[in-house]
Amino acid sequence: MAVPLAGCTSSPEPAPTTQPTATSTGAPAFSSESTTAEALAHFDEVNAATVAANARPGGRAVVDALVAAGFDKSSMQVTADTTSIGRDADSVQFSVLWGQDCLIGQVSGAGYTSQTAPVLGTGACLVGSTRAIDW
């Protein structure tokens, strides 16, 4: 009894496509194509690690950590670390413009918090004065 072997050829198989790798939490890998929810999860993971290393990191430390984690520095805003009279600010706010949404974080004596919000009519994420991210 002969059994036909359908589909057997000597031609090479196509190379497998590369799948995104999962992060330690099992979430899809972060990329510029990530949804707002995926980007917020990555934003939170990075910021939580930054705050764990320094409970009151300055704006530069937060921005640098976000850039190292793949966020675009040119889409960020951050408030000043000090008040107008030179004292430490009670909190530092920072944001990343993500499409038509904003990933917004805050570090204060109460810890780290975040949220998403629609981009403002100005095209920015934070209201009020922010400092130049010129490093």
C-alpha atoms as a PDB file:
ATOM      1  CA  MET A   1       0.000   0.000   0.000  1.00  0.00           C
ATOM      2  CA  ALA A   2       1.461   3.318  -1.041  1.00  0.00           C
ATOM      3  CA  VAL A   3       0.859   6.502   0.957  1.00  0.00           C
ATOM      4  CA  PRO A   4       1.155   9.712  -1.033  1.00  0.00           C
ATOM      5  CA  LEU A   5       3.257  12.417   0.576  1.00  0.00           C
ATOM      6  CA  ALA A   6       1.526  15.670  -0.250  1.00  0.00           C
ATOM      7  CA  GLY A   7       3.543  18.844   0.075  1.00  0.00           C
ATOM      8  CA  CYS A   8       6.976  17.239   0.311  1.00  0.00           C
ATOM      9  CA  THR A   9       9.437  19.169  -1.794  1.00  0.00           C
ATOM     10  CA  SER A  10      13.118  19.846  -1.714  1.00  0.00           C
ATOM     11  CA  SER A  11      12.687  23.651  -1.766  1.00  0.00           C
ATOM     12  CA  PRO A  12      13.802  25.532   1.366  1.00  0.00           C
ATOM     13  CA  GLU A  13      11.167  26.638   3.841  1.00  0.00           C
ATOM     14  CA  PRO A  14      10.625  30.372   4.290  1.00  0.00           C
ATOM     15  CA  ALA A  15      12.423  31.881   7.255  1.00  0.00           C
ATOM     16  CA  PRO A  16      10.228  32.203  10.323  1.00  0.00           C
ATOM     17  CA  THR A  17       9.018  35.680  11.150  1.00  0.00           C
ATOM     18  CA  THR A  18      10.338  37.264  14.296  1.00  0.00           C
ATOM     19  CA  GLN A  19       7.738  37.660  17.002  1.00  0.00           C
ATOM     20  CA  PRO A  20       7.962  40.471  19.563  1.00  0.00           C
ATOM     21  CA  THR A  21       9.604  39.302  22.723  1.00  0.00           C
ATOM     22  CA  ALA A  22       7.718  39.419  25.976  1.00  0.00           C
ATOM     23  CA  THR A  23       8.831  41.519  28.910  1.00  0.00           C
ATOM     24  CA  SER A  24       9.356  40.007  32.331  1.00  0.00           C
ATOM     25  CA  THR A  25       5.662  40.591  33.063  1.00  0.00           C
ATOM     26  CA  GLY A  26       4.572  38.662  29.973  1.00  0.00           C
ATOM     27  CA  ALA A  27       3.324  41.808  28.231  1.00  0.00           C
ATOM     28  CA  PRO A  28       4.124  42.390  24.562  1.00  0.00           C
ATOM     29  CA  ALA A  29       7.417  44.102  23.857  1.00  0.00           C
ATOM     30  CA  PHE A  30       7.317  47.892  23.892  1.00  0.00           C
ATOM     31  CA  SER A  31       7.682  49.688  20.558  1.00  0.00           C
ATOM     32  CA  SER A  32       6.525  52.834  18.818  1.00  0.00           C
ATOM     33  CA  GLU A  33       3.538  50.772  17.634  1.00  0.00           C
ATOM     34  CA  SER A  34       2.404  49.916  21.172  1.00  0.00           C
ATOM     35  CA  THR A  35      -1.101  50.900  22.218  1.00  0.00           C
ATOM     36  CA  THR A  36      -1.571  53.627  24.798  1.00  0.00           C
ATOM     37  CA  ALA A  37      -2.313  50.974  27.441  1.00  0.00           C
ATOM     38  CA  GLU A  38       0.882  49.059  26.561  1.00  0.00           C
ATOM     39  CA  ALA A  39       2.922  52.274  26.541  1.00  0.00           C
ATOM     40  CA  LEU A  40       1.476  53.281  29.933  1.00  0.00           C
ATOM     41  CA  ALA A  41       2.386  49.867  31.366  1.00  0.00           C
ATOM     42  CA  HIS A  42       5.984  50.311  30.150  1.00  0.00           C
ATOM     43  CA  PHE A  43       6.023  53.958  31.363  1.00  0.00           C
ATOM     44  CA  ASP A  44       4.878  52.778  34.803  1.00  0.00           C
ATOM     45  CA  GLU A  45       7.428  49.952  34.913  1.00  0.00           C
ATOM     46  CA  VAL A  46      10.291  52.327  34.079  1.00  0.00           C
ATOM     47  CA  ASN A  47       9.158  55.010  36.511  1.00  0.00           C
ATOM     48  CA  ALA A  48       8.552  52.538  39.333  1.00  0.00           C
ATOM     49  CA  ALA A  49      12.123  51.269  38.910  1.00  0.00           C
ATOM     50  CA  THR A  50      13.452  54.848  38.861  1.00  0.00           C
ATOM     51  CA  VAL A  51      11.577  55.692  42.071  1.00  0.00           C
ATOM     52  CA  ALA A  52      12.675  52.427  43.686  1.00  0.00           C
ATOM     53  CA  ALA A  53      16.295  53.462  43.090  1.00  0.00           C
ATOM     54  CA  ASN A  54      15.697  57.034  44.356  1.00  0.00           C
ATOM     55  CA  ALA A  55      12.442  57.934  46.109  1.00  0.00           C
ATOM     56  CA  ARG A  56      12.624  61.548  44.893  1.00  0.00           C
ATOM     57  CA  PRO A  57      14.368  61.494  41.507  1.00  0.00           C
ATOM     58  CA  GLY A  58      14.720  64.776  39.709  1.00  0.00           C
ATOM     59  CA  GLY A  59      13.215  65.414  36.313  1.00  0.00           C
ATOM     60  CA  ARG A  60      16.449  64.655  34.513  1.00  0.00           C
ATOM     61  CA  ALA A  61      16.714  61.197  36.101  1.00  0.00           C
ATOM     62  CA  VAL A  62      13.138  60.412  35.062  1.00  0.00           C
ATOM     63  CA  VAL A  63      13.618  61.689  31.501  1.00  0.00           C
ATOM     64  CA  ASP A  64      16.929  59.840  31.108  1.00  0.00           C
ATOM     65  CA  ALA A  65      15.375  56.577  32.327  1.00  0.00           C
ATOM     66  CA  LEU A  66      12.435  56.947  29.929  1.00  0.00           C
ATOM     67  CA  VAL A  67      14.777  57.672  27.008  1.00  0.00           C
ATOM     68  CA  ALA A  68      16.910  54.632  27.890  1.00  0.00           C
ATOM     69  CA  ALA A  69      13.691  52.576  27.888  1.00  0.00           C
ATOM     70  CA  GLY A  70      12.783  53.634  24.356  1.00  0.00           C
ATOM     71  CA  PHE A  71      10.624  56.739  24.723  1.00  0.00           C
ATOM     72  CA  ASP A  72      11.306  59.713  22.431  1.00  0.00           C
ATOM     73  CA  LYS A  73      12.841  62.624  24.350  1.00  0.00           C
ATOM     74  CA  SER A  74      11.414  65.161  21.894  1.00  0.00           C
ATOM     75  CA  SER A  75       7.878  64.108  22.887  1.00  0.00           C
ATOM     76  CA  MET A  76       8.467  64.715  26.615  1.00  0.00           C
ATOM     77  CA  GLN A  77       7.758  67.531  29.042  1.00  0.00           C
ATOM     78  CA  VAL A  78       8.945  67.898  32.639  1.00  0.00           C
ATOM     79  CA  THR A  79       8.380  70.471  35.356  1.00  0.00           C
ATOM     80  CA  ALA A  80      11.128  72.120  37.384  1.00  0.00           C
ATOM     81  CA  ASP A  81      12.811  70.330  40.286  1.00  0.00           C
ATOM     82  CA  THR A  82      12.952  73.545  42.326  1.00  0.00           C
ATOM     83  CA  THR A  83      10.583  76.358  43.200  1.00  0.00           C
ATOM     84  CA  SER A  84      11.047  79.984  42.178  1.00  0.00           C
ATOM     85  CA  ILE A  85      12.914  80.592  45.469  1.00  0.00           C
ATOM     86  CA  GLY A  86      15.262  77.637  45.017  1.00  0.00           C
ATOM     87  CA  ARG A  87      13.628  75.058  47.273  1.00  0.00           C
ATOM     88  CA  ASP A  88      12.943  71.473  46.212  1.00  0.00           C
ATOM     89  CA  ALA A  89       9.602  71.222  44.437  1.00  0.00           C
ATOM     90  CA  ASP A  90       6.920  69.261  46.285  1.00  0.00           C
ATOM     91  CA  SER A  91       6.450  67.184  43.151  1.00  0.00           C
ATOM     92  CA  VAL A  92       7.798  66.754  39.649  1.00  0.00           C
ATOM     93  CA  GLN A  93       5.410  66.079  36.782  1.00  0.00           C
ATOM     94  CA  PHE A  94       6.474  64.627  33.462  1.00  0.00           C
ATOM     95  CA  SER A  95       4.778  63.436  30.323  1.00  0.00           C
ATOM     96  CA  VAL A  96       5.231  61.649  27.040  1.00  0.00           C
ATOM     97  CA  LEU A  97       3.039  62.504  24.061  1.00  0.00           C
ATOM     98  CA  TRP A  98       1.817  59.161  22.700  1.00  0.00           C
ATOM     99  CA  GLY A  99      -0.177  59.692  19.507  1.00  0.00           C
ATOM    100  CA  GLN A 100      -3.273  61.628  20.559  1.00  0.00           C
ATOM    101  CA  ASP A 101      -2.795  60.660  24.205  1.00  0.00           C
ATOM    102  CA  CYS A 102      -0.507  61.744  27.003  1.00  0.00           C
ATOM    103  CA  LEU A 103       1.237  59.487  29.478  1.00  0.00           C
ATOM    104  CA  ILE A 104       1.508  61.633  32.596  1.00  0.00           C
ATOM    105  CA  GLY A 105       3.500  60.824  35.704  1.00  0.00           C
ATOM    106  CA  GLN A 106       4.169  62.533  39.003  1.00  0.00           C
ATOM    107  CA  VAL A 107       6.699  61.882  41.735  1.00  0.00           C
ATOM    108  CA  SER A 108       6.100  63.453  45.145  1.00  0.00           C
ATOM    109  CA  GLY A 109       6.491  62.644  48.817  1.00  0.00           C
ATOM    110  CA  ALA A 110       3.454  60.383  48.374  1.00  0.00           C
ATOM    111  CA  GLY A 111       5.285  58.300  45.745  1.00  0.00           C
ATOM    112  CA  TYR A 112       4.657  57.765  42.043  1.00  0.00           C
ATOM    113  CA  THR A 113       1.319  58.101  40.267  1.00  0.00           C
ATOM    114  CA  SER A 114       0.332  58.126  36.614  1.00  0.00           C
ATOM    115  CA  GLN A 115      -2.579  58.525  34.264  1.00  0.00           C
ATOM    116  CA  THR A 116      -3.387  58.986  30.610  1.00  0.00           C
ATOM    117  CA  ALA A 117      -5.197  62.009  29.224  1.00  0.00           C
ATOM    118  CA  PRO A 118      -6.001  63.385  25.788  1.00  0.00           C
ATOM    119  CA  VAL A 119      -3.438  65.754  24.315  1.00  0.00           C
ATOM    120  CA  LEU A 120      -4.276  69.398  25.020  1.00  0.00           C
ATOM    121  CA  GLY A 121      -5.394  71.768  22.287  1.00  0.00           C
ATOM    122  CA  THR A 122      -1.907  73.290  22.411  1.00  0.00           C
ATOM    123  CA  GLY A 123      -0.401  69.940  21.401  1.00  0.00           C
ATOM    124  CA  ALA A 124       1.210  69.626  24.825  1.00  0.00           C
ATOM    125  CA  CYS A 125       0.465  67.329  27.750  1.00  0.00           C
ATOM    126  CA  LEU A 126       1.249  69.508  30.770  1.00  0.00           C
ATOM    127  CA  VAL A 127      -0.363  72.826  31.651  1.00  0.00           C
ATOM    128  CA  GLY A 128       1.849  75.614  32.942  1.00  0.00           C
ATOM    129  CA  SER A 129       5.588  76.082  32.962  1.00  0.00           C
ATOM    130  CA  THR A 130       7.887  73.259  32.013  1.00  0.00           C
ATOM    131  CA  ARG A 131      11.638  73.187  31.770  1.00  0.00           C
ATOM    132  CA  ALA A 132      13.659  72.734  28.616  1.00  0.00           C
ATOM    133  CA  ILE A 133      14.885  69.201  28.054  1.00  0.00           C
ATOM    134  CA  ASP A 134      18.153  70.333  26.505  1.00  0.00           C
ATOM    135  CA  TRP A 135      20.609  67.680  27.639  1.00  0.00           C
END
